[in-house]
Protein backbone atom coordinates (compact mmCIF):
# COMPACT_ATOMS: atom_id res chain seq x y z
CA MET A 1 42.91 117.83 90.95
CA THR A 2 45.05 118.58 87.91
CA SER A 3 48.80 119.27 88.22
CA PRO A 4 49.97 122.83 87.43
CA SER A 5 51.33 123.45 83.95
CA GLY A 6 54.68 125.13 83.18
CA LEU A 7 52.91 128.40 82.43
CA ASP A 8 51.17 128.27 85.82
CA ILE A 9 54.56 127.82 87.52
CA VAL A 10 56.00 130.88 85.73
CA PHE A 11 53.00 133.00 86.70
CA SER A 12 53.29 131.69 90.24
CA GLN A 13 56.97 132.79 90.45
CA TYR A 14 56.22 136.28 89.18
CA ALA A 15 53.26 136.49 91.52
CA GLN A 16 55.64 136.01 94.45
CA ASP A 17 58.11 138.70 93.32
CA PRO A 18 57.36 140.06 89.84
CA TYR A 19 60.48 142.36 89.67
CA GLU A 20 63.32 140.36 91.23
CA ASP A 21 63.63 137.69 88.53
CA PHE A 22 63.08 140.21 85.75
CA ASN A 23 65.89 142.47 87.02
CA GLU A 24 68.17 139.47 87.41
CA MET A 25 67.46 138.48 83.83
CA LEU A 26 68.33 141.99 82.62
CA ARG A 27 71.56 141.99 84.63
CA ARG A 28 72.69 138.67 83.17
CA GLU A 29 71.83 139.84 79.68
CA ARG A 30 73.92 143.00 80.13
CA GLU A 31 76.87 140.98 81.46
CA ASN A 32 76.67 138.60 78.54
CA THR A 33 76.49 141.49 76.04
CA ASN A 34 79.53 143.20 77.62
CA ARG A 35 81.49 139.95 77.64
CA VAL A 36 80.79 139.29 73.96
CA ALA A 37 81.77 142.87 73.03
CA LYS A 38 85.02 142.61 75.02
CA GLU A 39 85.96 139.30 73.39
CA LYS A 40 85.27 140.75 69.95
CA LYS A 41 87.45 143.79 70.67
CA THR A 42 90.28 141.55 71.87
CA ARG A 43 90.11 139.43 68.71
CA LEU A 44 90.23 142.56 66.53
CA ARG A 45 93.32 143.87 68.37
CA ARG A 46 95.13 140.55 67.97
CA LYS A 47 94.24 140.40 64.30
CA ASP A 48 95.49 143.98 63.79
CA ALA A 49 98.80 143.19 65.56
CA VAL A 50 99.38 140.12 63.35
CA ALA A 51 98.54 142.07 60.20
CA LYS A 52 101.16 144.74 61.04
CA PRO A 53 104.18 142.87 62.49
CA ASN A 54 106.67 145.46 61.23
CA SER A 55 105.00 148.55 62.64
CA THR A 56 107.15 150.54 65.02
CA ARG A 57 106.48 152.94 67.84
CA SER A 58 108.73 155.53 69.35
CA PHE A 59 109.14 157.67 72.42
CA VAL A 60 111.67 160.17 73.72
CA MET A 61 113.19 160.05 77.20
CA SER A 62 114.84 163.07 78.80
CA ARG A 63 118.58 162.79 79.42
CA HIS A 64 118.36 164.12 82.99
CA GLN A 65 116.03 161.25 83.88
CA ARG A 66 118.92 158.82 83.38
CA ARG A 67 120.62 159.97 86.58
CA GLY A 68 118.24 158.11 88.84
CA LEU A 69 116.17 154.94 88.81
CA LYS A 70 112.72 156.07 87.77
CA LEU A 71 109.53 154.75 86.27
CA ILE A 72 108.32 156.91 83.43
CA LYS A 73 104.98 156.60 81.64
CA ILE A 74 105.23 157.92 78.11
CA SER A 75 102.62 158.13 75.38
CA VAL A 76 103.65 156.01 72.40
CA ILE A 77 102.56 156.73 68.84
CA ASP A 78 102.70 154.63 65.69
CA LEU A 79 105.23 155.90 63.18
CA CYS A 80 104.51 153.71 60.15
CA ASN A 81 102.44 150.91 58.64
CA ASN A 82 99.14 152.33 59.82
CA SER A 83 96.42 151.94 57.26
CA PRO A 84 94.19 155.03 56.85
CA GLY A 85 90.99 154.86 58.82
CA SER A 86 92.14 152.06 61.10
CA ASP A 87 91.33 152.13 64.79
CA SER A 88 94.98 152.52 65.72
CA ASP A 89 95.56 155.75 63.77
CA ASN A 90 94.86 157.92 66.80
CA GLU A 91 95.42 155.28 69.46
CA SER A 92 98.25 155.61 71.97
CA ASP A 93 99.45 153.19 74.62
CA ASN A 94 101.46 153.71 77.77
CA VAL A 95 104.77 151.96 78.39
CA ILE A 96 106.78 151.83 81.58
CA ILE A 97 110.50 152.51 81.28
CA THR A 98 113.11 151.76 83.93
CA ALA A 99 116.32 153.75 83.51
CA PRO A 100 119.25 152.70 85.75
CA PRO A 101 121.45 155.56 86.98
CA ALA A 102 124.62 156.25 85.04
CA LYS A 103 127.89 155.56 86.89
CA ASP A 104 129.17 159.00 85.95
CA PRO A 105 126.60 161.70 84.99
CA LYS A 106 129.23 163.40 82.79
CA ALA A 107 130.18 160.20 80.99
CA ASP A 108 128.57 159.67 77.63
CA ASN A 109 127.38 156.13 78.24
CA PRO A 110 124.22 154.88 76.54
CA ALA A 111 121.41 154.15 78.96
CA LYS A 112 120.10 150.61 79.25
CA ILE A 113 116.34 150.88 79.07
CA GLY A 114 113.89 148.17 80.06
CA ILE A 115 110.52 148.51 78.35
CA LYS A 116 107.21 146.92 79.23
CA GLY A 117 104.36 147.58 76.87
CA LYS A 118 101.91 146.24 74.32
CA SER A 119 102.71 144.85 70.89
CA PRO A 120 103.74 145.89 68.29
CA PRO A 121 107.26 146.32 69.70
CA VAL A 122 108.54 149.71 70.80
CA PHE A 123 112.05 151.11 70.79
CA GLY A 124 113.60 153.74 73.01
CA ILE A 125 115.61 156.76 71.94
CA VAL A 126 117.73 158.95 74.21
CA PRO A 127 118.35 162.29 72.42
CA LYS A 128 121.91 163.59 72.40
CA VAL A 129 122.83 167.31 72.46
CA GLU A 130 126.45 168.50 72.33
CA ILE A 131 128.15 171.88 71.91
CA VAL A 132 131.26 171.11 69.86
CA ASP A 133 134.31 172.85 68.42
CA GLU A 134 135.36 173.05 64.77
CA ARG A 135 136.55 169.43 64.86
CA GLY A 136 133.34 168.13 66.39
CA ARG A 137 134.80 167.60 69.86
CA PRO A 138 132.67 168.46 72.93
CA LEU A 139 133.38 171.84 74.53
CA GLN A 140 133.39 172.88 78.17
CA ASP A 141 135.12 176.27 77.90
CA LYS A 142 135.55 178.65 74.98
CA PHE A 143 137.71 181.81 74.91
CA TYR A 144 137.14 184.84 72.67
CA LYS A 145 138.87 188.17 72.31
CA GLU A 146 136.85 191.31 72.95
CA GLY A 147 135.40 192.65 69.70
CA SER A 148 135.50 189.28 67.92
CA ILE A 149 132.53 187.13 66.82
CA ILE A 150 131.32 184.41 69.15
CA GLU A 151 130.42 181.27 67.20
CA LEU A 152 129.05 178.16 68.92
CA ARG A 153 127.98 174.93 67.23
CA CYS A 154 125.37 172.57 68.67
CA VAL A 155 124.77 169.06 67.30
CA VAL A 156 121.48 167.30 68.06
CA SER A 157 121.29 163.59 67.26
CA GLU A 158 119.48 160.36 68.14
CA VAL A 159 115.98 161.74 67.58
CA PRO A 160 113.20 159.93 65.65
CA GLN A 161 112.96 162.58 62.95
CA PRO A 162 114.66 165.81 61.82
CA THR A 163 113.89 168.80 64.01
CA ARG A 164 114.50 172.54 64.24
CA GLN A 165 113.31 172.97 67.84
CA VAL A 166 116.73 174.01 69.17
CA ASN A 167 116.99 176.86 71.68
CA TRP A 168 120.03 178.87 72.76
CA LYS A 169 120.23 180.64 76.12
CA HIS A 170 122.76 182.92 77.79
CA GLY A 171 122.09 182.24 81.43
CA SER A 172 118.30 182.29 81.57
CA ARG A 173 117.87 184.66 78.60
CA LEU A 174 116.57 183.11 75.37
CA LEU A 175 118.68 184.18 72.39
CA ASN A 176 116.71 182.75 69.45
CA TYR A 177 114.52 185.84 69.13
CA ASP A 178 116.66 188.32 71.05
CA THR A 179 116.51 191.90 69.78
CA LYS A 180 117.68 193.72 72.91
CA ARG A 181 121.44 193.27 72.46
CA GLY A 182 121.63 193.21 68.68
CA GLY A 183 124.09 191.25 66.59
CA VAL A 184 122.71 187.89 67.76
CA SER A 185 121.87 185.29 65.12
CA VAL A 186 120.74 181.65 65.38
CA LYS A 187 120.77 179.38 62.33
CA THR A 188 119.42 175.84 62.61
CA GLU A 189 119.28 173.24 59.87
CA ALA A 190 117.69 169.81 60.10
CA THR A 191 119.84 166.71 59.60
CA SER A 192 118.96 163.08 58.98
CA ASN A 193 118.74 162.23 62.68
CA GLY A 194 118.48 165.62 64.38
CA ALA A 195 119.78 169.13 63.76
CA LEU A 196 122.85 171.36 63.52
CA SER A 197 122.44 174.78 65.14
CA ARG A 198 124.88 177.70 65.13
CA LEU A 199 124.87 180.74 67.42
CA TYR A 200 126.61 183.94 66.29
CA ILE A 201 127.19 186.99 68.50
CA ALA A 202 128.92 189.95 66.85
CA ASN A 203 131.31 192.36 68.59
CA ALA A 204 131.77 190.32 71.76
CA ASN A 205 132.23 192.19 75.03
CA ARG A 206 132.76 191.27 78.67
CA ASN A 207 129.01 191.14 79.29
CA ASP A 208 128.78 188.24 76.84
CA SER A 209 130.82 186.00 79.14
CA GLY A 210 128.95 183.29 81.00
CA ASN A 211 127.18 179.99 80.50
CA TYR A 212 125.54 179.25 77.17
CA THR A 213 123.03 176.43 76.83
CA CYS A 214 121.80 174.62 73.74
CA SER A 215 118.66 172.55 74.29
CA LEU A 216 116.24 170.37 72.36
CA ALA A 217 112.95 171.73 73.70
CA ASP A 218 112.83 170.43 77.31
CA VAL A 219 114.21 167.00 76.45
CA ALA A 220 118.02 167.34 76.47
CA ALA A 221 120.61 170.11 76.78
CA SER A 222 124.32 170.91 76.71
CA ALA A 223 126.22 173.89 78.17
CA VAL A 224 129.53 175.67 77.63
CA SER A 225 131.29 178.44 79.55
CA VAL A 226 132.29 181.39 77.34
CA HIS A 227 135.09 183.78 78.40
CA VAL A 228 135.52 187.12 76.61
CA LEU A 229 139.04 188.42 77.24
CA ARG A 230 140.37 191.98 77.01
CA GLY A 231 143.86 192.11 75.56
CA GLU A 232 144.72 188.45 76.19
CA ASN A 233 145.21 185.98 73.36
CA PRO A 234 142.37 183.39 73.49
CA LEU A 235 144.55 180.70 71.89
CA ALA A 236 147.26 181.28 74.47
CA MET A 237 144.70 180.99 77.26
CA GLN A 238 143.42 177.66 75.91
CA ARG A 239 146.93 176.32 75.38
CA GLY A 240 147.94 177.56 78.80
CA GLY A 241 145.09 175.62 80.35
CA ALA A 242 146.17 172.49 78.51
CA ALA A 243 149.80 173.01 79.58
CA SER A 244 148.88 173.44 83.23
CA CYS A 245 146.88 170.22 83.05
CA SER A 246 149.88 168.38 81.58
CA ASP A 247 152.15 169.80 84.29
CA SER A 248 149.76 168.54 86.96
CA LEU A 249 149.77 165.05 85.46
CA LEU A 250 153.58 165.02 85.34
CA ALA A 251 153.72 166.08 88.99
CA ILE A 252 151.39 163.24 89.98
CA LEU A 253 153.47 160.69 88.03
CA ALA A 254 156.66 161.98 89.62
CA ALA A 255 155.14 161.58 93.07
CA PHE A 256 154.24 157.95 92.36
CA VAL A 257 157.69 157.16 90.96
CA SER A 258 159.46 158.69 93.93
């Protein structure tokens, strides 16, 4: 009796279960193909990262998110050093940002941001919006005489590129395209790292008093309280407020000394 050949053994195995081994062979082949494709993709990504070590990515974090410890997932886009037609032209990654709460929400302290993400490195930008006076100092209250022109200045800074997306509101009413009141004008010019926006309201009246907000889209905002006075001198009101503040400080110091 002759011993079975290798071919006879193969036929014998398929005779027992002709589909099981064939399906297993297909499964292993698919796994091997997927593994090779994944390794190739990883090598290409590493090569692309080494070829562009100076590329930068940017994101914008809302100012109000600084007031609490939060995890924020933000889409990150390449800003420069992308060669046309490369795979990363339209590719975006997600980074996780931890923003510790500020000690004082009103204090203008820069947020410390921890970033976890993929290379190339990313950098974080916290936009800054301020309503300022003629000397560039932040405003909280502004006094105008009835019939005068209200003029408010808003400075937007710390943004990745110049922008004109600045909105003015009186309460909840948008003023940029307001035609109901009349005499309202908004002029915004782009600067190197943001924008300078001016709001003009002609022939001010008592109804124009209230809170005015300047905002960069939905990212950051600043507000000021406007008071339209009838008969009073706005400068005297502002100086009077400063004097009363000084008197209060003197009273406190006197109490400590005594």
